[in-house]
N, C-alpha and C. Protein backbone atom coordinates (compact mmCIF):
# COMPACT_ATOMS: atom_id res chain seq x y z
N UNK A 1 22.79 50.33 -92.17
CA UNK A 1 23.72 51.36 -93.22
C UNK A 1 23.21 52.29 -92.64
N UNK A 2 24.27 53.44 -92.50
CA UNK A 2 23.66 54.76 -92.04
C UNK A 2 23.24 55.59 -93.09
N UNK A 3 22.22 56.61 -92.66
CA UNK A 3 21.95 57.47 -93.68
C UNK A 3 22.57 57.97 -94.81
N UNK A 4 23.54 58.72 -93.87
CA UNK A 4 24.68 58.96 -94.91
C UNK A 4 24.88 58.28 -95.98
N UNK A 5 25.18 57.15 -95.88
CA UNK A 5 26.04 56.30 -96.71
C UNK A 5 25.23 56.21 -97.66
N UNK A 6 23.71 56.11 -97.57
CA UNK A 6 22.60 55.87 -98.23
C UNK A 6 22.75 56.78 -99.25
N UNK A 7 22.64 58.13 -98.72
CA UNK A 7 22.80 59.67 -99.60
C UNK A 7 23.77 59.35 -100.51
N UNK A 8 25.31 58.58 -100.13
CA UNK A 8 26.57 58.75 -100.76
C UNK A 8 26.08 58.02 -102.06
N UNK A 9 25.16 56.73 -101.74
CA UNK A 9 25.04 55.47 -103.22
C UNK A 9 24.08 56.07 -104.07
N UNK A 10 23.21 57.14 -103.56
CA UNK A 10 21.74 57.49 -104.46
C UNK A 10 23.10 58.36 -105.02
N UNK A 11 23.46 59.07 -105.05
CA UNK A 11 24.50 59.54 -106.08
C UNK A 11 25.11 58.77 -107.51
N UNK A 12 25.34 57.68 -107.04
CA UNK A 12 25.49 56.60 -108.07
C UNK A 12 24.76 56.01 -109.25
N UNK A 13 23.29 56.91 -108.93
CA UNK A 13 22.20 56.78 -110.38
C UNK A 13 22.13 57.66 -111.36
N UNK A 14 22.02 57.48 -112.72
CA UNK A 14 22.29 58.42 -113.66
C UNK A 14 21.06 58.69 -113.97
N UNK A 15 20.34 59.49 -113.61
CA UNK A 15 18.96 59.35 -114.55
C UNK A 15 18.08 58.81 -113.15
N UNK A 16 16.72 59.12 -113.82
CA UNK A 16 15.33 59.01 -112.56
C UNK A 16 15.08 57.87 -112.66
N UNK A 17 15.28 57.21 -113.81
CA UNK A 17 15.10 55.11 -114.02
C UNK A 17 15.96 55.01 -112.64
N UNK A 18 17.45 55.15 -112.98
CA UNK A 18 18.30 54.09 -111.90
C UNK A 18 17.66 54.80 -110.37
N UNK A 19 17.92 55.95 -110.18
CA UNK A 19 17.83 56.42 -109.17
C UNK A 19 16.04 55.66 -108.19
N UNK A 20 15.11 55.22 -109.05
CA UNK A 20 13.64 54.81 -108.80
C UNK A 20 14.22 53.26 -108.59
N UNK A 21 15.39 52.57 -108.55
CA UNK A 21 15.37 51.69 -108.63
C UNK A 21 16.45 50.98 -107.44
N UNK A 22 17.71 51.75 -107.32
CA UNK A 22 18.12 52.28 -106.72
C UNK A 22 17.72 52.62 -105.18
N UNK A 23 16.92 53.62 -105.00
CA UNK A 23 15.91 53.78 -103.41
C UNK A 23 14.84 52.59 -103.46
N UNK A 24 14.61 51.48 -104.38
CA UNK A 24 14.07 50.19 -103.93
C UNK A 24 15.27 49.54 -103.24
N UNK A 25 16.33 49.19 -103.79
CA UNK A 25 17.48 48.50 -103.59
C UNK A 25 18.24 48.86 -102.20
N UNK A 26 18.15 49.99 -101.61
CA UNK A 26 18.25 50.69 -100.07
C UNK A 26 17.96 50.74 -99.26
N UNK A 27 16.75 49.64 -99.65
CA UNK A 27 15.40 49.68 -98.53
C UNK A 27 15.91 48.32 -98.01
N UNK A 28 16.44 47.47 -98.89
CA UNK A 28 16.74 46.32 -97.99
C UNK A 28 16.37 45.04 -98.63
N UNK A 29 15.05 45.23 -99.55
CA UNK A 29 13.93 44.13 -99.88
C UNK A 29 14.42 43.66 -101.35
N UNK A 30 13.69 42.36 -101.69
CA UNK A 30 14.14 41.97 -102.90
C UNK A 30 13.48 43.40 -104.00
N UNK A 31 14.25 43.33 -105.42
CA UNK A 31 13.32 43.68 -106.22
C UNK A 31 13.27 43.11 -107.56
N UNK A 32 12.44 42.67 -108.42
CA UNK A 32 12.18 41.68 -109.52
C UNK A 32 13.24 42.85 -110.76
N UNK A 33 13.24 42.15 -111.66
CA UNK A 33 13.92 42.46 -112.76
C UNK A 33 13.42 43.52 -113.41
N UNK A 34 13.86 44.74 -113.33
CA UNK A 34 13.05 46.13 -113.81
C UNK A 34 13.08 46.02 -115.54
N UNK A 35 13.85 45.20 -116.15
CA UNK A 35 13.95 45.24 -117.64
C UNK A 35 12.10 44.32 -117.92
N UNK A 36 12.16 43.52 -117.01
CA UNK A 36 10.77 43.13 -117.18
C UNK A 36 9.68 43.94 -117.10
N UNK A 37 9.37 44.67 -116.44
CA UNK A 37 8.53 45.66 -116.26
C UNK A 37 8.06 47.00 -117.24
N UNK A 38 8.96 46.56 -118.13
CA UNK A 38 8.95 47.90 -119.05
C UNK A 38 7.73 47.56 -119.68
N UNK A 39 7.57 49.05 -120.01
CA UNK A 39 5.66 48.70 -120.84
C UNK A 39 5.84 49.92 -121.43
N UNK A 40 4.58 50.40 -122.79
CA UNK A 40 4.39 50.58 -123.62
C UNK A 40 5.73 51.10 -124.71
N UNK A 41 6.04 52.26 -124.88
CA UNK A 41 7.34 52.40 -125.56
C UNK A 41 8.81 51.97 -125.30
N UNK A 42 8.84 52.12 -124.23
CA UNK A 42 9.87 51.64 -123.34
C UNK A 42 10.30 50.07 -123.37
N UNK A 43 9.66 49.78 -123.90
CA UNK A 43 9.84 48.19 -124.26
C UNK A 43 10.77 48.08 -125.74
N UNK A 44 10.86 49.62 -126.53
CA UNK A 44 11.66 48.92 -127.56
C UNK A 44 13.19 49.29 -127.24
N UNK A 45 13.27 50.09 -126.20
CA UNK A 45 14.23 50.64 -125.46
C UNK A 45 14.69 49.40 -124.68
N UNK A 46 14.32 48.34 -124.95
CA UNK A 46 14.96 47.29 -123.56
C UNK A 46 16.44 46.95 -123.74
N UNK A 47 17.32 46.70 -124.36
CA UNK A 47 18.41 46.65 -124.28
C UNK A 47 19.19 47.72 -123.79
N UNK A 48 18.83 48.75 -124.41
CA UNK A 48 19.51 50.21 -123.58
C UNK A 48 19.40 50.04 -121.72
N UNK A 49 18.11 49.82 -121.75
CA UNK A 49 17.36 49.71 -119.89
C UNK A 49 18.15 49.15 -119.48
N UNK A 50 18.49 47.58 -120.34
CA UNK A 50 19.01 46.44 -119.82
C UNK A 50 20.62 46.88 -119.40
N UNK A 51 21.56 47.40 -120.37
CA UNK A 51 23.10 48.44 -120.47
C UNK A 51 22.76 49.28 -118.90
N UNK A 52 21.54 49.77 -119.14
CA UNK A 52 21.55 50.93 -117.97
C UNK A 52 21.54 50.23 -116.14
N UNK A 53 20.96 49.14 -116.02
CA UNK A 53 20.15 48.68 -115.42
C UNK A 53 22.08 47.87 -114.92
N UNK A 54 22.35 47.45 -115.92
CA UNK A 54 23.82 46.60 -115.39
C UNK A 54 24.63 47.31 -114.94
N UNK A 55 24.97 48.58 -115.68
CA UNK A 55 25.85 49.67 -115.23
C UNK A 55 25.56 50.63 -113.70
N UNK A 56 24.42 50.48 -113.40
CA UNK A 56 24.25 50.96 -112.21
C UNK A 56 24.66 49.79 -111.11
N UNK A 57 24.06 48.24 -111.70
CA UNK A 57 24.44 47.57 -110.05
C UNK A 57 26.48 47.76 -110.41
N UNK A 58 26.93 47.50 -111.73
CA UNK A 58 28.37 47.81 -111.54
C UNK A 58 28.77 48.52 -110.53
N UNK A 59 28.24 49.99 -110.77
CA UNK A 59 28.92 51.10 -109.88
C UNK A 59 28.18 50.84 -108.64
N UNK A 60 27.65 49.72 -107.94
CA UNK A 60 27.02 49.40 -106.86
C UNK A 60 28.36 48.57 -106.43
N UNK A 61 28.20 47.42 -107.20
CA UNK A 61 29.60 46.98 -106.69
C UNK A 61 30.57 47.20 -106.79
N UNK A 62 31.09 48.41 -107.11
CA UNK A 62 32.33 48.98 -107.16
C UNK A 62 32.53 49.47 -105.88
N UNK A 63 31.91 49.68 -105.00
CA UNK A 63 31.34 50.63 -104.09
C UNK A 63 32.01 49.79 -102.88
N UNK A 64 31.54 48.58 -102.95
CA UNK A 64 31.94 47.25 -101.93
C UNK A 64 30.32 47.15 -102.03
N UNK A 65 29.53 47.25 -102.08
CA UNK A 65 28.03 46.28 -101.72
C UNK A 65 28.24 45.60 -102.66
N UNK A 66 27.55 43.90 -101.98
CA UNK A 66 27.46 43.01 -102.88
C UNK A 66 25.90 43.08 -103.32
N UNK A 67 25.62 42.27 -104.41
CA UNK A 67 24.70 42.50 -105.26
C UNK A 67 23.83 41.37 -105.44
N UNK A 68 22.84 41.07 -104.49
CA UNK A 68 22.51 38.98 -104.59
C UNK A 68 21.34 38.78 -105.51
N UNK A 69 21.56 38.23 -106.59
CA UNK A 69 21.24 37.76 -107.74
C UNK A 69 20.21 36.59 -107.84
N UNK A 70 19.06 36.48 -107.38
CA UNK A 70 18.21 35.30 -107.28
C UNK A 70 17.72 34.97 -108.45
N UNK A 71 18.01 33.77 -109.82
CA UNK A 71 17.85 33.58 -110.40
C UNK A 71 16.41 32.87 -110.58
N UNK A 72 15.39 33.31 -111.66
CA UNK A 72 14.19 32.86 -111.88
C UNK A 72 13.95 30.95 -111.87
N UNK A 73 12.67 30.90 -111.74
CA UNK A 73 12.97 29.09 -111.30
C UNK A 73 12.66 28.62 -112.96
N UNK A 74 13.62 29.26 -113.86
CA UNK A 74 14.36 28.29 -115.06
C UNK A 74 15.64 28.62 -114.87
N UNK A 75 15.87 29.39 -114.29
CA UNK A 75 18.05 29.57 -114.35
C UNK A 75 17.66 30.77 -115.01
N UNK A 76 17.06 31.89 -115.68
CA UNK A 76 17.44 33.06 -115.73
C UNK A 76 16.81 33.98 -115.09
N UNK A 77 17.46 35.30 -116.25
CA UNK A 77 17.15 36.73 -115.58
C UNK A 77 15.94 37.72 -115.91
N UNK A 78 15.41 37.45 -116.54
CA UNK A 78 14.01 37.62 -116.41
C UNK A 78 13.03 38.07 -115.56
N UNK A 79 12.96 36.70 -114.71
CA UNK A 79 12.22 36.86 -113.66
C UNK A 79 13.25 36.76 -112.30
N UNK A 80 14.19 37.37 -112.78
CA UNK A 80 15.26 37.32 -111.47
C UNK A 80 15.21 37.93 -110.37
N UNK A 81 15.53 37.65 -109.24
CA UNK A 81 15.24 39.28 -107.95
C UNK A 81 16.83 39.54 -107.84
N UNK A 82 16.58 40.68 -107.27
CA UNK A 82 17.76 41.50 -106.78
C UNK A 82 17.62 41.98 -105.43
N UNK A 83 18.69 41.82 -104.62
CA UNK A 83 18.94 42.58 -103.43
C UNK A 83 20.25 42.81 -103.16
N UNK A 84 20.30 44.14 -102.34
CA UNK A 84 21.68 44.12 -102.08
C UNK A 84 21.97 43.83 -100.67
N UNK A 85 23.01 43.34 -100.18
CA UNK A 85 23.54 43.31 -98.57
C UNK A 85 24.12 43.97 -98.01
N UNK A 86 24.21 44.24 -97.59
CA UNK A 86 25.22 45.49 -96.84
C UNK A 86 25.97 44.41 -95.85
């Protein structure tokens, strides 16, 4: 993927939390579920963070990029990993 395309995709993020997740995804490596990493007061708003994360994934898929999800050991999303397939 070219740097130009990556810069275009970075515009899909709304806010710095999504931008950080998107920059991690654009490296091509797997990332763990960012909702499971919430700490402190942010944990109280986990449903909103979850909605925000899935909205980001939806916008990425609308751009024609596949998001590969590997479910956790018990088949759940809590310990799932995500990776962009370029």
